[in-house]
Protein backbone atom coordinates (compact mmCIF):
# COMPACT_ATOMS: atom_id res chain seq x y z
CA MET A 1 -261.29 -118.69 45.59
CA ILE A 2 -261.70 -117.66 48.99
CA ILE A 3 -260.38 -121.02 50.34
CA ILE A 4 -257.37 -120.37 48.26
CA ALA A 5 -256.88 -116.93 49.66
CA MET A 6 -257.41 -118.07 53.21
CA THR A 7 -254.93 -120.81 53.18
CA LEU A 8 -252.25 -118.75 51.50
CA TYR A 9 -252.61 -115.34 52.91
CA LEU A 10 -254.61 -115.90 56.34
CA PRO A 11 -251.45 -117.73 57.97
CA GLN A 12 -249.18 -114.78 57.16
CA HIS A 13 -251.40 -112.32 58.32
CA ILE A 14 -251.82 -113.78 61.66
CA ALA A 15 -248.08 -114.10 62.15
CA PHE A 16 -247.57 -110.70 61.13
CA LEU A 17 -250.60 -109.56 63.90
CA THR A 18 -248.93 -111.66 66.33
CA ASN A 19 -245.42 -110.17 65.80
CA ARG A 20 -246.69 -106.84 65.88
CA ALA A 21 -248.70 -107.44 69.26
CA TRP A 22 -245.40 -109.06 70.61
CA PHE A 23 -243.55 -105.64 69.67
CA TYR A 24 -245.91 -103.58 71.13
CA TYR A 25 -246.47 -105.38 74.29
CA ASN A 26 -242.36 -105.97 74.85
CA GLY A 27 -240.98 -103.08 73.27
CA ASP A 28 -237.74 -103.18 71.12
CA GLU A 29 -235.08 -105.46 72.21
CA SER A 30 -232.09 -103.04 71.00
CA VAL A 31 -233.50 -100.56 73.51
CA LYS A 32 -233.36 -102.69 76.45
CA LEU A 33 -230.18 -103.89 75.51
CA ALA A 34 -228.72 -100.70 75.10
CA SER A 35 -230.36 -99.10 78.61
CA ALA A 36 -229.04 -102.22 80.15
CA GLY A 37 -225.49 -101.37 79.07
CA VAL A 38 -225.79 -97.65 80.13
CA ASN A 39 -226.92 -98.81 83.51
CA SER A 40 -224.04 -100.82 83.89
CA VAL A 41 -221.63 -98.30 82.63
CA LEU A 42 -223.55 -95.72 85.28
CA ASP A 43 -223.35 -98.21 88.32
CA SER A 44 -219.42 -98.79 87.85
CA ALA A 45 -216.88 -97.13 90.19
CA THR A 46 -215.16 -95.03 87.48
CA SER A 47 -218.53 -93.56 86.70
CA THR A 48 -219.15 -92.63 90.36
CA VAL A 49 -215.79 -90.89 90.25
CA MET A 50 -216.66 -89.01 87.17
CA VAL A 51 -219.62 -87.83 88.48
CA GLU A 52 -218.34 -86.52 91.68
CA LYS A 53 -215.64 -84.61 89.43
CA VAL A 54 -218.05 -82.87 87.20
CA LYS A 55 -220.00 -81.85 90.25
CA GLU A 56 -216.98 -80.41 91.81
CA THR A 57 -215.98 -78.75 88.42
CA VAL A 58 -219.54 -77.41 88.27
CA ALA A 59 -219.70 -76.04 91.63
CA MET A 60 -216.09 -74.50 91.31
CA ALA A 61 -217.27 -72.55 87.76
CA ALA A 62 -220.31 -71.41 89.87
CA ASN A 63 -218.13 -69.83 92.83
CA ALA A 64 -215.34 -68.23 90.38
CA GLY A 65 -217.53 -66.45 87.97
CA GLY A 66 -220.58 -68.60 86.66
CA SER A 67 -221.92 -65.41 85.28
CA SER A 68 -219.32 -65.34 82.58
CA ILE A 69 -220.58 -69.06 81.50
CA ILE A 70 -224.02 -67.89 81.63
CA GLY A 71 -223.13 -64.86 79.37
CA ALA A 72 -221.56 -66.85 76.94
CA ALA A 73 -224.42 -69.14 76.79
CA LYS A 74 -226.61 -66.27 76.14
CA GLU A 75 -224.58 -64.95 73.00
CA LEU A 76 -225.11 -68.04 71.32
């Protein structure tokens, strides 16, 4: 009975442990693909222009009464 159990279940168990170790070592593939996509978007020229525009808007808001923005955040 032990020989039958070893031949039926041991290969499945070893495959499961191997797959789990591979996952822990290499990580999730979908996360790697998503981070690669985000990095490619962030590296594009359009995103650089958008980042500069956001920085300008934040600077203008801080100079033109940023206290109202902070006050609104405190109310929430």
